[in-house]
Structure formats: structure tokens, C-alpha cells
Protein backbone atom coordinates (compact mmCIF):
# COMPACT_ATOMS: atom_id res chain seq x y z
CA MET A 1 146.57 140.53 -12.83
CA ASN A 2 145.93 143.75 -11.75
CA SER A 3 145.91 142.74 -8.08
CA ILE A 4 146.42 140.03 -5.72
CA HIS A 5 144.29 138.86 -2.61
CA VAL A 6 146.86 137.26 -0.44
CA ILE A 7 145.20 135.10 2.28
CA THR A 8 146.72 133.04 5.21
CA PRO A 9 144.51 130.61 7.18
CA VAL A 10 145.14 130.65 10.53
CA LYS A 11 144.64 128.39 14.02
CA ASP A 12 146.30 129.56 16.60
CA SER A 13 150.28 129.28 16.02
CA ILE A 14 150.38 132.87 16.91
CA ASP A 15 153.93 133.67 16.78
CA THR A 16 154.42 131.87 13.70
CA THR A 17 151.45 133.77 12.32
CA LEU A 18 152.55 137.06 13.67
CA ARG A 19 155.86 136.66 11.77
CA THR A 20 154.05 135.60 8.42
CA VAL A 21 152.01 138.77 9.03
CA HIS A 22 154.56 141.38 9.54
CA SER A 23 156.79 139.89 6.38
CA VAL A 24 153.64 140.01 4.19
CA MET A 25 152.75 143.48 5.15
CA ASN A 26 156.33 144.72 4.58
CA SER A 27 156.40 143.40 0.88
CA ILE A 28 157.94 145.66 -1.72
CA HIS A 29 155.50 145.50 -4.46
CA ALA A 30 154.36 147.17 -7.46
CA THR A 31 150.90 145.33 -8.19
CA PRO A 32 148.24 146.10 -5.16
CA PHE A 33 147.37 143.40 -2.84
CA THR A 34 145.06 143.10 -0.04
CA TYR A 35 145.58 140.68 2.92
CA THR A 36 143.13 138.72 4.66
CA VAL A 37 143.92 136.38 7.38
CA TYR A 38 140.89 133.75 7.98
CA ASN A 39 140.72 132.83 11.48
CA ASP A 40 139.87 129.26 11.77
CA PHE A 41 138.63 128.96 15.46
CA SER A 42 141.62 130.07 17.42
CA THR A 43 141.44 130.50 21.14
CA PRO A 44 139.93 134.04 22.30
CA GLU A 45 143.06 135.04 23.21
CA ASN A 46 144.75 134.62 20.11
CA THR A 47 141.78 135.76 18.34
CA ARG A 48 142.06 138.79 20.26
CA ILE A 49 145.84 139.24 19.47
CA LEU A 50 145.06 138.50 15.74
CA HIS A 51 142.56 141.53 15.46
CA GLU A 52 144.96 143.99 17.64
CA ALA A 53 147.46 143.29 15.38
CA ALA A 54 145.11 143.64 12.10
CA GLN A 55 144.65 147.26 13.43
CA LYS A 56 148.04 148.23 13.98
CA GLU A 57 149.37 146.51 10.39
CA GLY A 58 146.55 147.33 8.53
CA PHE A 59 145.05 143.76 7.15
CA GLU A 60 141.71 141.97 7.56
CA VAL A 61 140.82 139.04 9.81
CA ILE A 62 137.98 137.14 9.10
CA ASP A 63 136.67 135.20 12.04
CA LEU A 64 135.34 131.69 10.37
CA ALA A 65 133.15 131.16 13.79
CA GLY A 66 131.02 133.95 11.91
CA LEU A 67 130.73 131.67 8.96
CA THR A 68 130.30 128.36 10.27
CA ASP A 69 129.91 125.67 12.99
CA HIS A 70 132.10 123.17 11.27
CA PRO A 71 135.32 122.47 13.21
CA SER A 72 138.39 123.36 12.36
CA PRO A 73 140.06 122.40 9.55
CA ASN A 74 138.21 124.80 7.44
CA TYR A 75 140.46 125.01 4.62
CA LEU A 76 137.65 124.56 1.97
CA LEU A 77 135.51 126.93 3.05
CA THR A 78 138.49 129.54 3.06
CA LEU A 79 139.60 128.70 -0.17
CA GLN A 80 136.01 128.87 -1.78
CA THR A 81 135.32 132.19 -0.04
CA SER A 82 138.91 133.67 -1.17
CA ARG A 83 138.17 132.50 -4.78
CA ARG A 84 134.91 134.07 -4.79
CA ARG A 85 136.28 137.43 -3.70
CA ALA A 86 139.17 137.24 -6.07
CA LEU A 87 137.04 136.73 -8.84
CA ALA A 88 134.83 139.36 -8.46
CA GLU A 89 137.95 141.67 -8.81
CA GLY A 90 139.85 139.65 -11.21
CA ALA A 91 142.70 139.09 -8.84
CA GLY A 92 145.05 136.44 -8.42
CA LEU A 93 145.04 134.64 -5.29
CA LEU A 94 148.00 134.33 -3.14
CA ILE A 95 148.14 131.60 -0.03
CA VAL A 96 150.75 132.32 2.27
CA GLU A 97 150.53 129.81 5.16
CA SER A 98 151.27 130.62 8.85
CA ASP A 99 154.45 128.71 8.92
CA VAL A 100 156.09 130.73 6.07
CA THR A 101 157.94 134.05 5.81
CA VAL A 102 158.12 135.78 2.87
CA ARG A 103 160.95 138.02 1.47
CA PRO A 104 160.51 141.64 0.57
CA ASP A 105 160.28 140.49 -3.14
CA THR A 106 158.26 137.42 -3.12
CA ILE A 107 154.93 138.55 -3.65
CA GLN A 108 155.81 140.87 -6.76
CA GLY A 109 158.49 138.24 -7.76
CA LEU A 110 155.50 135.60 -8.25
CA ALA A 111 153.18 138.01 -9.97
CA ASP A 112 156.13 138.95 -12.46
CA GLY A 113 156.81 135.06 -12.92
CA ALA A 114 153.15 134.26 -13.56
CA LYS A 115 152.87 137.39 -16.08
CA GLU A 116 156.16 135.95 -17.99
CA HIS A 117 154.14 132.42 -18.42
CA PRO A 118 150.75 133.16 -19.95
CA ASP A 119 149.83 129.27 -19.39
CA CYS A 120 150.69 129.86 -15.56
CA GLY A 121 148.28 127.90 -13.45
CA ILE A 122 150.13 128.33 -10.29
CA ALA A 123 153.17 129.78 -9.55
CA ALA A 124 154.75 128.49 -6.24
CA ALA A 125 157.88 129.83 -4.04
CA VAL A 126 160.21 127.29 -3.07
CA THR A 127 160.53 126.54 0.53
CA VAL A 128 163.68 126.59 2.44
CA ASP A 129 165.15 126.37 5.99
CA GLN A 130 166.99 128.76 8.58
CA TYR A 131 170.29 128.02 6.52
CA GLY A 132 168.94 128.42 3.05
CA HIS A 133 168.35 124.84 1.93
CA ILE A 134 165.43 123.64 0.12
CA ASN A 135 163.44 121.52 2.58
CA TYR A 136 159.73 119.89 3.13
CA PRO A 137 157.57 119.95 0.58
CA TYR A 138 160.18 120.78 -2.31
CA LEU A 139 162.71 118.28 -1.61
CA TYR A 140 162.49 117.04 -4.93
CA ALA A 141 163.86 120.57 -6.31
CA GLN A 142 167.20 120.21 -4.32
CA GLY A 143 169.78 120.62 -6.71
CA MET A 144 167.73 123.15 -8.93
CA GLU A 145 168.56 126.07 -7.15
CA ASN A 146 167.81 129.58 -8.70
CA GLN A 147 165.91 128.21 -11.38
CA ALA A 148 162.42 128.87 -12.34
CA PHE A 149 160.81 125.41 -14.22
CA SER A 150 157.62 124.23 -14.70
CA THR A 151 156.54 120.87 -12.63
CA ARG A 152 154.01 118.00 -12.87
CA LYS A 153 154.43 117.66 -9.25
CA HIS A 154 152.05 119.03 -7.06
CA CYS A 155 152.54 122.70 -5.66
CA SER A 156 152.34 123.06 -2.06
CA PHE A 157 150.25 126.08 -0.93
CA CYS A 158 153.06 127.29 1.65
CA CYS A 159 153.38 130.10 -0.55
CA SER A 160 151.53 129.90 -4.09
CA LEU A 161 149.83 132.26 -6.45
CA LEU A 162 146.76 131.00 -8.22
CA THR A 163 146.15 133.08 -11.48
CA PRO A 164 142.69 134.47 -12.45
CA ALA A 165 142.75 132.02 -15.07
CA LEU A 166 142.85 129.00 -13.26
CA LEU A 167 140.28 130.64 -10.59
CA ARG A 168 138.06 130.89 -13.38
CA ALA A 169 138.61 127.53 -14.58
CA VAL A 170 138.69 125.30 -11.38
CA ASP A 171 135.57 125.47 -9.61
CA PHE A 172 136.35 124.79 -5.84
CA ASP A 173 132.73 124.57 -4.71
CA LEU A 174 133.38 120.99 -6.64
CA LEU A 175 136.12 120.01 -4.59
CA ASP A 176 135.68 117.05 -2.17
CA SER A 177 134.35 118.13 1.10
CA LYS A 178 135.57 115.18 3.06
CA LYS A 179 139.11 116.43 2.50
CA ASN A 180 140.93 118.94 4.50
CA TRP A 181 143.80 120.15 2.12
CA PHE A 182 143.69 120.87 -1.39
CA ASP A 183 146.98 121.85 -3.03
CA VAL A 184 147.40 118.37 -4.47
CA THR A 185 143.83 118.28 -6.10
CA ILE A 186 144.22 121.79 -7.25
CA SER A 187 147.53 121.25 -8.66
CA HIS A 188 146.18 118.54 -10.78
CA ARG A 189 143.09 120.10 -11.91
CA SER A 190 145.32 123.06 -12.88
CA LEU A 191 147.00 120.62 -15.30
CA LYS A 192 143.92 118.97 -16.55
CA ALA A 193 142.75 122.19 -17.59
CA GLY A 194 145.64 122.84 -19.57
CA PHE A 195 147.63 125.16 -17.57
CA LYS A 196 151.34 124.70 -16.29
CA ASN A 197 152.29 124.95 -12.69
CA TYR A 198 155.90 126.67 -12.14
CA LEU A 199 158.09 126.64 -9.09
CA PHE A 200 160.45 129.45 -8.43
CA ALA A 201 163.54 128.29 -6.73
CA THR A 202 164.35 132.11 -7.30
CA LEU A 203 162.15 133.30 -4.79
CA PRO A 204 162.83 130.91 -1.80
CA VAL A 205 160.79 131.54 1.44
CA LEU A 206 161.63 130.28 5.05
CA HIS A 207 159.55 127.50 6.04
CA SER A 208 159.09 125.76 9.71
CA PRO A 209 157.15 122.49 8.38
CA HIS A 210 154.03 122.07 10.07
CA GLY A 211 154.61 125.17 12.38
CA SER A 212 151.02 126.02 12.25
CA ARG A 213 150.14 122.35 13.09
CA PRO A 214 152.53 120.98 15.71
CA TRP A 215 150.68 117.37 15.90
CA LYS A 216 152.02 116.63 12.00
CA GLN A 217 155.63 116.80 13.35
CA LEU A 218 154.77 113.22 14.76
CA LYS A 219 155.26 112.48 10.88
CA TYR A 220 158.97 112.42 11.62
CA THR A 221 158.99 111.68 14.99
CA ASN A 222 156.48 109.04 15.75
CA PRO A 223 155.16 107.81 12.63
CA MET A 224 153.28 105.16 14.21
CA LYS A 225 151.09 107.54 16.26
CA TYR A 226 150.81 109.94 13.47
CA TYR A 227 149.58 107.20 10.94
CA TRP A 228 147.23 106.25 14.09
CA LEU A 229 146.09 109.16 14.56
CA LYS A 230 145.19 110.03 10.72
CA LEU A 231 143.50 106.67 10.60
CA THR A 232 141.17 106.71 13.45
CA LYS A 233 140.42 110.49 13.81
CA GLY A 234 140.50 111.07 9.95
CA LEU A 235 142.70 114.08 10.14
CA ASP A 236 145.07 115.26 7.28
CA LYS A 237 143.04 114.17 4.23
CA ILE A 238 144.70 114.99 1.13
């Protein structure tokens, strides 16, 4: 892995996004990386703020409104586009969601971790809350702090590095376009292709669950309304 393409899919949630951007751009790294924010139909005001931040901090913004008229979420288009760009350069693809703040050593740590495991398909950073406790979506890793281990459970794309070998083996153009999110599917296809997925509890990142999609907080505060919206509006298809 000679380089890494880091991406963040974004729809509004500008405050958390700017924290994500700043943390990525201030990473300490030996492996070169480029950083692209995929703007998925944010408001005109938030789109303006993203482009101003890009000029100031030196990352790229791709406005999906210029690529499709399909309503948000356009996570599949983001993954397909970024995979093609990474493959063209033999780069890994690191997804950092807009409710995650990485540490200075996160990106290089994941690159080193993937390199140490030649069979690695996905190298994921464990997520923690403001107190440093492992939180959603990695509650299954509680009690395994400060360890790195292979897992057959899915790796969330909160902060996950997809290796070049995985990108070559799994064609994102064949993913189910009726779904909204693909971390579960790609995690399983990684295993099916003969790779192992590794969770690095040694590289915790701060995660505010669903900070970029506040309506999903209903899953915990009002589950009946959450599942009603999921059923009637076809939201959150995994």
C-alpha cells in the first residue's frame, strides 16, 4: 500500500464534519494520503462552508449533485467512485465518517496494522466515547481494549481501511443498489474472498453515534418511531 485515499461522506452536520476534517488533516503519517469529502446534497450554506474549509485546509470536495440527481443517501455512488480512484493508484481506501474524530496516529496506525497482516481485507479502528469507553458499533469489543484481533463480526465504516487487495477482489458495482449502507455486506464479502478483517482496539477514535444522521437517535430514544420510519420510508437499509 503505497498511499491511501481517505474519504468522508457528508450530508450537512457541518460542525461534526469540520471536526472530522481537521483531525484528518492534522494526522501524523509516513504513508502519503489524499483526502476527499463527498458532499451528498448538503444545504447551499453548508456546501459553501465545506468549499471554504477545503481551500483553507487543502482537501478536495466532490459535490455529488454534479454526478447524480438521485436523492441522498448516495453512499453506494461514493464507494464506487472512491474505489475506482483508489484502484487507479494502487491505494488503500480509508472511510472516516463525519461523526468520527481520528487521533494523530490513526491513519498511519491502520496502514501499519494492515501491512503487518498480509491477509487483511479491512483494518478498522475501534470507536470510543468522550470518556474513552468502547461504544456503538463495537460494543462486542468491550473487555478487549488495547488489543488487535481478527473478527468475523462486521467492521463498521466509522473508520475503516479497505486494502488494495480487497478493492481488487470485491466489485462495488455489483452491490445491491436498493440498500443504503454497505459495511455489513463488504465485511462479509471480504471474508468470503478469503481475507481476514481486523479490529484495532489499540487505535481508538472518538465517535458520536449517528451524529451525522440525527434521526437515527430515535433508535434509542423512540424505537417505535424509528422502526416506523424505517418501514414506511425505506430508510436505513443495511
